[in-house]
Amino acid sequence: LNGPSTTEVEAFYFEMGVDLAVED
């Protein structure tokens, strides 16, 4: 859980300017 691919996904969201309402 929460490995390198998690960081890559977060970077993709950030690059596209998407802020998802992530809960728990």
mmCIF file of all heavy atoms, coordinates in Angstrom:
data_MODEL
# 
_entry.id   MODEL 
# 
loop_
_atom_site.group_PDB 
_atom_site.id 
_atom_site.type_symbol 
_atom_site.label_atom_id 
_atom_site.label_alt_id 
_atom_site.label_comp_id 
_atom_site.label_asym_id 
_atom_site.label_entity_id 
_atom_site.label_seq_id 
_atom_site.pdbx_PDB_ins_code 
_atom_site.Cartn_x 
_atom_site.Cartn_y 
_atom_site.Cartn_z 
_atom_site.occupancy 
_atom_site.B_iso_or_equiv 
_atom_site.pdbx_formal_charge 
_atom_site.auth_seq_id 
_atom_site.auth_comp_id 
_atom_site.auth_asym_id 
_atom_site.auth_atom_id 
_atom_site.pdbx_PDB_model_num 
ATOM 1   N N   . LEU A 1 1  ? 0.828   -1.198 0.000   1.00 0.00 ? 1  LEU A N   1 
ATOM 2   C CA  . LEU A 1 1  ? 0.000   0.000  0.000   1.00 0.00 ? 1  LEU A CA  1 
ATOM 3   C C   . LEU A 1 1  ? 0.864   1.250  0.000   1.00 0.00 ? 1  LEU A C   1 
ATOM 4   O O   . LEU A 1 1  ? 1.932   1.284  0.613   1.00 0.00 ? 1  LEU A O   1 
ATOM 5   C CB  . LEU A 1 1  ? -0.915  0.021  1.232   1.00 0.00 ? 1  LEU A CB  1 
ATOM 6   C CG  . LEU A 1 1  ? -2.215  -0.771 1.137   1.00 0.00 ? 1  LEU A CG  1 
ATOM 7   C CD1 . LEU A 1 1  ? -2.944  -0.715 2.479   1.00 0.00 ? 1  LEU A CD1 1 
ATOM 8   C CD2 . LEU A 1 1  ? -3.111  -0.248 0.032   1.00 0.00 ? 1  LEU A CD2 1 
ATOM 9   N N   . ASN A 1 2  ? 0.377   2.261  -0.714  1.00 0.00 ? 2  ASN A N   1 
ATOM 10  C CA  . ASN A 1 2  ? 1.031   3.571  -0.723  1.00 0.00 ? 2  ASN A CA  1 
ATOM 11  C C   . ASN A 1 2  ? 2.462   3.475  -1.226  1.00 0.00 ? 2  ASN A C   1 
ATOM 12  O O   . ASN A 1 2  ? 3.384   4.082  -0.666  1.00 0.00 ? 2  ASN A O   1 
ATOM 13  C CB  . ASN A 1 2  ? 0.994   4.185  0.689   1.00 0.00 ? 2  ASN A CB  1 
ATOM 14  C CG  . ASN A 1 2  ? 1.052   5.702  0.643   1.00 0.00 ? 2  ASN A CG  1 
ATOM 15  O OD1 . ASN A 1 2  ? 0.812   6.312  -0.395  1.00 0.00 ? 2  ASN A OD1 1 
ATOM 16  N ND2 . ASN A 1 2  ? 1.363   6.315  1.767   1.00 0.00 ? 2  ASN A ND2 1 
ATOM 17  N N   . GLY A 1 3  ? 2.635   2.721  -2.308  1.00 0.00 ? 3  GLY A N   1 
ATOM 18  C CA  . GLY A 1 3  ? 3.954   2.554  -2.906  1.00 0.00 ? 3  GLY A CA  1 
ATOM 19  C C   . GLY A 1 3  ? 4.248   3.620  -3.941  1.00 0.00 ? 3  GLY A C   1 
ATOM 20  O O   . GLY A 1 3  ? 3.528   4.617  -4.057  1.00 0.00 ? 3  GLY A O   1 
ATOM 21  N N   . PRO A 1 4  ? 5.296   3.429  -4.730  1.00 0.00 ? 4  PRO A N   1 
ATOM 22  C CA  . PRO A 1 4  ? 5.677   4.421  -5.745  1.00 0.00 ? 4  PRO A CA  1 
ATOM 23  C C   . PRO A 1 4  ? 4.561   4.746  -6.732  1.00 0.00 ? 4  PRO A C   1 
ATOM 24  O O   . PRO A 1 4  ? 4.435   5.892  -7.182  1.00 0.00 ? 4  PRO A O   1 
ATOM 25  C CB  . PRO A 1 4  ? 6.861   3.756  -6.457  1.00 0.00 ? 4  PRO A CB  1 
ATOM 26  C CG  . PRO A 1 4  ? 7.429   2.819  -5.450  1.00 0.00 ? 4  PRO A CG  1 
ATOM 27  C CD  . PRO A 1 4  ? 6.262   2.318  -4.649  1.00 0.00 ? 4  PRO A CD  1 
ATOM 28  N N   . SER A 1 5  ? 3.750   3.761  -7.083  1.00 0.00 ? 5  SER A N   1 
ATOM 29  C CA  . SER A 1 5  ? 2.675   4.028  -8.047  1.00 0.00 ? 5  SER A CA  1 
ATOM 30  C C   . SER A 1 5  ? 1.638   4.999  -7.484  1.00 0.00 ? 5  SER A C   1 
ATOM 31  O O   . SER A 1 5  ? 1.011   5.750  -8.237  1.00 0.00 ? 5  SER A O   1 
ATOM 32  C CB  . SER A 1 5  ? 2.008   2.724  -8.491  1.00 0.00 ? 5  SER A CB  1 
ATOM 33  O OG  . SER A 1 5  ? 1.407   2.071  -7.402  1.00 0.00 ? 5  SER A OG  1 
ATOM 34  N N   . THR A 1 6  ? 1.463   5.001  -6.159  1.00 0.00 ? 6  THR A N   1 
ATOM 35  C CA  . THR A 1 6  ? 0.538   5.954  -5.540  1.00 0.00 ? 6  THR A CA  1 
ATOM 36  C C   . THR A 1 6  ? 1.002   7.380  -5.809  1.00 0.00 ? 6  THR A C   1 
ATOM 37  O O   . THR A 1 6  ? 0.203   8.268  -6.146  1.00 0.00 ? 6  THR A O   1 
ATOM 38  C CB  . THR A 1 6  ? 0.450   5.724  -4.015  1.00 0.00 ? 6  THR A CB  1 
ATOM 39  O OG1 . THR A 1 6  ? 0.166   4.348  -3.765  1.00 0.00 ? 6  THR A OG1 1 
ATOM 40  C CG2 . THR A 1 6  ? -0.633  6.585  -3.390  1.00 0.00 ? 6  THR A CG2 1 
ATOM 41  N N   . THR A 1 7  ? 2.313   7.600  -5.685  1.00 0.00 ? 7  THR A N   1 
ATOM 42  C CA  . THR A 1 7  ? 2.891   8.924  -5.950  1.00 0.00 ? 7  THR A CA  1 
ATOM 43  C C   . THR A 1 7  ? 2.702   9.306  -7.416  1.00 0.00 ? 7  THR A C   1 
ATOM 44  O O   . THR A 1 7  ? 2.424   10.463 -7.736  1.00 0.00 ? 7  THR A O   1 
ATOM 45  C CB  . THR A 1 7  ? 4.385   8.931  -5.587  1.00 0.00 ? 7  THR A CB  1 
ATOM 46  O OG1 . THR A 1 7  ? 4.534   8.509  -4.225  1.00 0.00 ? 7  THR A OG1 1 
ATOM 47  C CG2 . THR A 1 7  ? 4.985   10.310 -5.748  1.00 0.00 ? 7  THR A CG2 1 
ATOM 48  N N   . GLU A 1 8  ? 2.844   8.335  -8.311  1.00 0.00 ? 8  GLU A N   1 
ATOM 49  C CA  . GLU A 1 8  ? 2.664   8.602  -9.734  1.00 0.00 ? 8  GLU A CA  1 
ATOM 50  C C   . GLU A 1 8  ? 1.224   8.990  -10.048 1.00 0.00 ? 8  GLU A C   1 
ATOM 51  O O   . GLU A 1 8  ? 0.975   9.895  -10.854 1.00 0.00 ? 8  GLU A O   1 
ATOM 52  C CB  . GLU A 1 8  ? 3.070   7.376  -10.550 1.00 0.00 ? 8  GLU A CB  1 
ATOM 53  C CG  . GLU A 1 8  ? 4.553   7.063  -10.493 1.00 0.00 ? 8  GLU A CG  1 
ATOM 54  C CD  . GLU A 1 8  ? 4.898   5.741  -11.144 1.00 0.00 ? 8  GLU A CD  1 
ATOM 55  O OE1 . GLU A 1 8  ? 4.004   5.154  -11.803 1.00 0.00 ? 8  GLU A OE1 1 
ATOM 56  O OE2 . GLU A 1 8  ? 6.046   5.277  -10.998 1.00 0.00 ? 8  GLU A OE2 1 
ATOM 57  N N   . VAL A 1 9  ? 0.272   8.297  -9.418  1.00 0.00 ? 9  VAL A N   1 
ATOM 58  C CA  . VAL A 1 9  ? -1.139  8.635  -9.621  1.00 0.00 ? 9  VAL A CA  1 
ATOM 59  C C   . VAL A 1 9  ? -1.413  10.046 -9.105  1.00 0.00 ? 9  VAL A C   1 
ATOM 60  O O   . VAL A 1 9  ? -2.074  10.854 -9.772  1.00 0.00 ? 9  VAL A O   1 
ATOM 61  C CB  . VAL A 1 9  ? -2.049  7.606  -8.909  1.00 0.00 ? 9  VAL A CB  1 
ATOM 62  C CG1 . VAL A 1 9  ? -3.497  8.079  -8.899  1.00 0.00 ? 9  VAL A CG1 1 
ATOM 63  C CG2 . VAL A 1 9  ? -1.945  6.248  -9.599  1.00 0.00 ? 9  VAL A CG2 1 
ATOM 64  N N   . GLU A 1 10 ? -0.884  10.360 -7.928  1.00 0.00 ? 10 GLU A N   1 
ATOM 65  C CA  . GLU A 1 10 ? -1.081  11.696 -7.354  1.00 0.00 ? 10 GLU A CA  1 
ATOM 66  C C   . GLU A 1 10 ? -0.519  12.767 -8.281  1.00 0.00 ? 10 GLU A C   1 
ATOM 67  O O   . GLU A 1 10 ? -1.125  13.827 -8.479  1.00 0.00 ? 10 GLU A O   1 
ATOM 68  C CB  . GLU A 1 10 ? -0.416  11.772 -5.987  1.00 0.00 ? 10 GLU A CB  1 
ATOM 69  C CG  . GLU A 1 10 ? -0.670  13.085 -5.266  1.00 0.00 ? 10 GLU A CG  1 
ATOM 70  C CD  . GLU A 1 10 ? -0.095  13.087 -3.868  1.00 0.00 ? 10 GLU A CD  1 
ATOM 71  O OE1 . GLU A 1 10 ? 0.854   12.319 -3.600  1.00 0.00 ? 10 GLU A OE1 1 
ATOM 72  O OE2 . GLU A 1 10 ? -0.602  13.860 -3.025  1.00 0.00 ? 10 GLU A OE2 1 
ATOM 73  N N   . ALA A 1 11 ? 0.633   12.484 -8.875  1.00 0.00 ? 11 ALA A N   1 
ATOM 74  C CA  . ALA A 1 11 ? 1.251   13.440 -9.798  1.00 0.00 ? 11 ALA A CA  1 
ATOM 75  C C   . ALA A 1 11 ? 0.386   13.646 -11.037 1.00 0.00 ? 11 ALA A C   1 
ATOM 76  O O   . ALA A 1 11 ? 0.283   14.771 -11.552 1.00 0.00 ? 11 ALA A O   1 
ATOM 77  C CB  . ALA A 1 11 ? 2.650   12.955 -10.190 1.00 0.00 ? 11 ALA A CB  1 
ATOM 78  N N   . PHE A 1 12 ? -0.241  12.562 -11.511 1.00 0.00 ? 12 PHE A N   1 
ATOM 79  C CA  . PHE A 1 12 ? -1.124  12.663 -12.681 1.00 0.00 ? 12 PHE A CA  1 
ATOM 80  C C   . PHE A 1 12 ? -2.324  13.546 -12.338 1.00 0.00 ? 12 PHE A C   1 
ATOM 81  O O   . PHE A 1 12 ? -2.694  14.442 -13.100 1.00 0.00 ? 12 PHE A O   1 
ATOM 82  C CB  . PHE A 1 12 ? -1.603  11.269 -13.091 1.00 0.00 ? 12 PHE A CB  1 
ATOM 83  C CG  . PHE A 1 12 ? -1.895  11.123 -14.559 1.00 0.00 ? 12 PHE A CG  1 
ATOM 84  C CD1 . PHE A 1 12 ? -1.276  10.133 -15.315 1.00 0.00 ? 12 PHE A CD1 1 
ATOM 85  C CD2 . PHE A 1 12 ? -2.812  11.946 -15.198 1.00 0.00 ? 12 PHE A CD2 1 
ATOM 86  C CE1 . PHE A 1 12 ? -1.554  9.975  -16.667 1.00 0.00 ? 12 PHE A CE1 1 
ATOM 87  C CE2 . PHE A 1 12 ? -3.104  11.801 -16.549 1.00 0.00 ? 12 PHE A CE2 1 
ATOM 88  C CZ  . PHE A 1 12 ? -2.469  10.816 -17.280 1.00 0.00 ? 12 PHE A CZ  1 
ATOM 89  N N   . TYR A 1 13 ? -2.933  13.333 -11.165 1.00 0.00 ? 13 TYR A N   1 
ATOM 90  C CA  . TYR A 1 13 ? -4.051  14.176 -10.733 1.00 0.00 ? 13 TYR A CA  1 
ATOM 91  C C   . TYR A 1 13 ? -3.616  15.641 -10.682 1.00 0.00 ? 13 TYR A C   1 
ATOM 92  O O   . TYR A 1 13 ? -4.311  16.535 -11.162 1.00 0.00 ? 13 TYR A O   1 
ATOM 93  C CB  . TYR A 1 13 ? -4.527  13.776 -9.327  1.00 0.00 ? 13 TYR A CB  1 
ATOM 94  C CG  . TYR A 1 13 ? -5.165  12.416 -9.169  1.00 0.00 ? 13 TYR A CG  1 
ATOM 95  C CD1 . TYR A 1 13 ? -5.501  11.954 -7.899  1.00 0.00 ? 13 TYR A CD1 1 
ATOM 96  C CD2 . TYR A 1 13 ? -5.444  11.590 -10.242 1.00 0.00 ? 13 TYR A CD2 1 
ATOM 97  C CE1 . TYR A 1 13 ? -6.088  10.714 -7.704  1.00 0.00 ? 13 TYR A CE1 1 
ATOM 98  C CE2 . TYR A 1 13 ? -6.016  10.341 -10.071 1.00 0.00 ? 13 TYR A CE2 1 
ATOM 99  C CZ  . TYR A 1 13 ? -6.337  9.911  -8.792  1.00 0.00 ? 13 TYR A CZ  1 
ATOM 100 O OH  . TYR A 1 13 ? -6.912  8.680  -8.607  1.00 0.00 ? 13 TYR A OH  1 
ATOM 101 N N   . PHE A 1 14 ? -2.447  15.874 -10.063 1.00 0.00 ? 14 PHE A N   1 
ATOM 102 C CA  . PHE A 1 14 ? -1.952  17.240 -9.874  1.00 0.00 ? 14 PHE A CA  1 
ATOM 103 C C   . PHE A 1 14 ? -1.691  17.908 -11.213 1.00 0.00 ? 14 PHE A C   1 
ATOM 104 O O   . PHE A 1 14 ? -2.034  19.082 -11.418 1.00 0.00 ? 14 PHE A O   1 
ATOM 105 C CB  . PHE A 1 14 ? -0.670  17.205 -9.031  1.00 0.00 ? 14 PHE A CB  1 
ATOM 106 C CG  . PHE A 1 14 ? -0.091  18.561 -8.750  1.00 0.00 ? 14 PHE A CG  1 
ATOM 107 C CD1 . PHE A 1 14 ? -0.642  19.373 -7.770  1.00 0.00 ? 14 PHE A CD1 1 
ATOM 108 C CD2 . PHE A 1 14 ? 1.012   19.018 -9.464  1.00 0.00 ? 14 PHE A CD2 1 
ATOM 109 C CE1 . PHE A 1 14 ? -0.110  20.639 -7.509  1.00 0.00 ? 14 PHE A CE1 1 
ATOM 110 C CE2 . PHE A 1 14 ? 1.543   20.274 -9.217  1.00 0.00 ? 14 PHE A CE2 1 
ATOM 111 C CZ  . PHE A 1 14 ? 0.982   21.089 -8.238  1.00 0.00 ? 14 PHE A CZ  1 
ATOM 112 N N   . GLU A 1 15 ? -1.072  17.161 -12.128 1.00 0.00 ? 15 GLU A N   1 
ATOM 113 C CA  . GLU A 1 15 ? -0.753  17.712 -13.451 1.00 0.00 ? 15 GLU A CA  1 
ATOM 114 C C   . GLU A 1 15 ? -2.013  18.167 -14.173 1.00 0.00 ? 15 GLU A C   1 
ATOM 115 O O   . GLU A 1 15 ? -2.012  19.173 -14.892 1.00 0.00 ? 15 GLU A O   1 
ATOM 116 C CB  . GLU A 1 15 ? -0.017  16.655 -14.288 1.00 0.00 ? 15 GLU A CB  1 
ATOM 117 C CG  . GLU A 1 15 ? 0.395   17.158 -15.661 1.00 0.00 ? 15 GLU A CG  1 
ATOM 118 C CD  . GLU A 1 15 ? 1.101   16.096 -16.482 1.00 0.00 ? 15 GLU A CD  1 
ATOM 119 O OE1 . GLU A 1 15 ? 1.450   15.033 -15.919 1.00 0.00 ? 15 GLU A OE1 1 
ATOM 120 O OE2 . GLU A 1 15 ? 1.300   16.316 -17.686 1.00 0.00 ? 15 GLU A OE2 1 
ATOM 121 N N   . MET A 1 16 ? -3.114  17.439 -13.970 1.00 0.00 ? 16 MET A N   1 
ATOM 122 C CA  . MET A 1 16 ? -4.368  17.781 -14.637 1.00 0.00 ? 16 MET A CA  1 
ATOM 123 C C   . MET A 1 16 ? -5.207  18.763 -13.810 1.00 0.00 ? 16 MET A C   1 
ATOM 124 O O   . MET A 1 16 ? -6.311  19.133 -14.218 1.00 0.00 ? 16 MET A O   1 
ATOM 125 C CB  . MET A 1 16 ? -5.185  16.504 -14.911 1.00 0.00 ? 16 MET A CB  1 
ATOM 126 C CG  . MET A 1 16 ? -4.521  15.538 -15.866 1.00 0.00 ? 16 MET A CG  1 
ATOM 127 S SD  . MET A 1 16 ? -4.049  16.302 -17.450 1.00 0.00 ? 16 MET A SD  1 
ATOM 128 C CE  . MET A 1 16 ? -5.656  16.848 -18.059 1.00 0.00 ? 16 MET A CE  1 
ATOM 129 N N   . GLY A 1 17 ? -4.700  19.167 -12.659 1.00 0.00 ? 17 GLY A N   1 
ATOM 130 C CA  . GLY A 1 17 ? -5.422  20.138 -11.850 1.00 0.00 ? 17 GLY A CA  1 
ATOM 131 C C   . GLY A 1 17 ? -6.695  19.606 -11.242 1.00 0.00 ? 17 GLY A C   1 
ATOM 132 O O   . GLY A 1 17 ? -7.654  20.350 -11.019 1.00 0.00 ? 17 GLY A O   1 
ATOM 133 N N   . VAL A 1 18 ? -6.711  18.299 -10.958 1.00 0.00 ? 18 VAL A N   1 
ATOM 134 C CA  . VAL A 1 18 ? -7.907  17.667 -10.394 1.00 0.00 ? 18 VAL A CA  1 
ATOM 135 C C   . VAL A 1 18 ? -7.695  17.435 -8.901  1.00 0.00 ? 18 VAL A C   1 
ATOM 136 O O   . VAL A 1 18 ? -6.713  16.819 -8.499  1.00 0.00 ? 18 VAL A O   1 
ATOM 137 C CB  . VAL A 1 18 ? -8.225  16.334 -11.101 1.00 0.00 ? 18 VAL A CB  1 
ATOM 138 C CG1 . VAL A 1 18 ? -9.379  15.611 -10.409 1.00 0.00 ? 18 VAL A CG1 1 
ATOM 139 C CG2 . VAL A 1 18 ? -8.561  16.586 -12.562 1.00 0.00 ? 18 VAL A CG2 1 
ATOM 140 N N   . ASP A 1 19 ? -8.623  17.932 -8.115  1.00 0.00 ? 19 ASP A N   1 
ATOM 141 C CA  . ASP A 1 19 ? -8.572  17.759 -6.664  1.00 0.00 ? 19 ASP A CA  1 
ATOM 142 C C   . ASP A 1 19 ? -9.769  16.918 -6.249  1.00 0.00 ? 19 ASP A C   1 
ATOM 143 O O   . ASP A 1 19 ? -10.877 17.426 -6.099  1.00 0.00 ? 19 ASP A O   1 
ATOM 144 C CB  . ASP A 1 19 ? -8.604  19.125 -5.974  1.00 0.00 ? 19 ASP A CB  1 
ATOM 145 C CG  . ASP A 1 19 ? -8.428  19.019 -4.461  1.00 0.00 ? 19 ASP A CG  1 
ATOM 146 O OD1 . ASP A 1 19 ? -7.972  17.953 -4.007  1.00 0.00 ? 19 ASP A OD1 1 
ATOM 147 O OD2 . ASP A 1 19 ? -8.764  19.988 -3.758  1.00 0.00 ? 19 ASP A OD2 1 
ATOM 148 N N   . LEU A 1 20 ? -9.556  15.617 -6.092  1.00 0.00 ? 20 LEU A N   1 
ATOM 149 C CA  . LEU A 1 20 ? -10.646 14.718 -5.733  1.00 0.00 ? 20 LEU A CA  1 
ATOM 150 C C   . LEU A 1 20 ? -10.932 14.797 -4.238  1.00 0.00 ? 20 LEU A C   1 
ATOM 151 O O   . LEU A 1 20 ? -10.019 14.984 -3.429  1.00 0.00 ? 20 LEU A O   1 
ATOM 152 C CB  . LEU A 1 20 ? -10.291 13.272 -6.105  1.00 0.00 ? 20 LEU A CB  1 
ATOM 153 C CG  . LEU A 1 20 ? -10.093 12.982 -7.596  1.00 0.00 ? 20 LEU A CG  1 
ATOM 154 C CD1 . LEU A 1 20 ? -9.631  11.543 -7.778  1.00 0.00 ? 20 LEU A CD1 1 
ATOM 155 C CD2 . LEU A 1 20 ? -11.374 13.221 -8.381  1.00 0.00 ? 20 LEU A CD2 1 
ATOM 156 N N   . ALA A 1 21 ? -12.195 14.656 -3.882  1.00 0.00 ? 21 ALA A N   1 
ATOM 157 C CA  . ALA A 1 21 ? -12.580 14.649 -2.467  1.00 0.00 ? 21 ALA A CA  1 
ATOM 158 C C   . ALA A 1 21 ? -12.304 13.258 -1.897  1.00 0.00 ? 21 ALA A C   1 
ATOM 159 O O   . ALA A 1 21 ? -13.176 12.388 -1.880  1.00 0.00 ? 21 ALA A O   1 
ATOM 160 C CB  . ALA A 1 21 ? -14.050 15.012 -2.320  1.00 0.00 ? 21 ALA A CB  1 
ATOM 161 N N   . VAL A 1 22 ? -11.072 13.033 -1.471  1.00 0.00 ? 22 VAL A N   1 
ATOM 162 C CA  . VAL A 1 22 ? -10.638 11.722 -1.001  1.00 0.00 ? 22 VAL A CA  1 
ATOM 163 C C   . VAL A 1 22 ? -10.912 11.609 0.495   1.00 0.00 ? 22 VAL A C   1 
ATOM 164 O O   . VAL A 1 22 ? -10.472 12.448 1.275   1.00 0.00 ? 22 VAL A O   1 
ATOM 165 C CB  . VAL A 1 22 ? -9.138  11.500 -1.278  1.00 0.00 ? 22 VAL A CB  1 
ATOM 166 C CG1 . VAL A 1 22 ? -8.681  10.167 -0.730  1.00 0.00 ? 22 VAL A CG1 1 
ATOM 167 C CG2 . VAL A 1 22 ? -8.867  11.596 -2.773  1.00 0.00 ? 22 VAL A CG2 1 
ATOM 168 N N   . GLU A 1 23 ? -11.637 10.565 0.867   1.00 0.00 ? 23 GLU A N   1 
ATOM 169 C CA  . GLU A 1 23 ? -11.979 10.360 2.275   1.00 0.00 ? 23 GLU A CA  1 
ATOM 170 C C   . GLU A 1 23 ? -11.635 8.922  2.690   1.00 0.00 ? 23 GLU A C   1 
ATOM 171 O O   . GLU A 1 23 ? -12.175 7.975  2.138   1.00 0.00 ? 23 GLU A O   1 
ATOM 172 C CB  . GLU A 1 23 ? -13.477 10.602 2.514   1.00 0.00 ? 23 GLU A CB  1 
ATOM 173 C CG  . GLU A 1 23 ? -13.919 12.043 2.242   1.00 0.00 ? 23 GLU A CG  1 
ATOM 174 C CD  . GLU A 1 23 ? -15.398 12.225 2.475   1.00 0.00 ? 23 GLU A CD  1 
ATOM 175 O OE1 . GLU A 1 23 ? -16.039 11.283 2.988   1.00 0.00 ? 23 GLU A OE1 1 
ATOM 176 O OE2 . GLU A 1 23 ? -15.909 13.302 2.151   1.00 0.00 ? 23 GLU A OE2 1 
ATOM 177 N N   . ASP A 1 24 ? -10.757 8.797  3.657   1.00 0.00 ? 24 ASP A N   1 
ATOM 178 C CA  . ASP A 1 24 ? -10.463 7.508  4.295   1.00 0.00 ? 24 ASP A CA  1 
ATOM 179 C C   . ASP A 1 24 ? -9.972  6.435  3.324   1.00 0.00 ? 24 ASP A C   1 
ATOM 180 O O   . ASP A 1 24 ? -10.096 5.249  3.589   1.00 0.00 ? 24 ASP A O   1 
ATOM 181 C CB  . ASP A 1 24 ? -11.698 6.972  5.035   1.00 0.00 ? 24 ASP A CB  1 
ATOM 182 C CG  . ASP A 1 24 ? -12.165 7.936  6.118   1.00 0.00 ? 24 ASP A CG  1 
ATOM 183 O OD1 . ASP A 1 24 ? -11.289 8.575  6.738   1.00 0.00 ? 24 ASP A OD1 1 
ATOM 184 O OD2 . ASP A 1 24 ? -13.378 8.039  6.325   1.00 0.00 ? 24 ASP A OD2 1 
# 
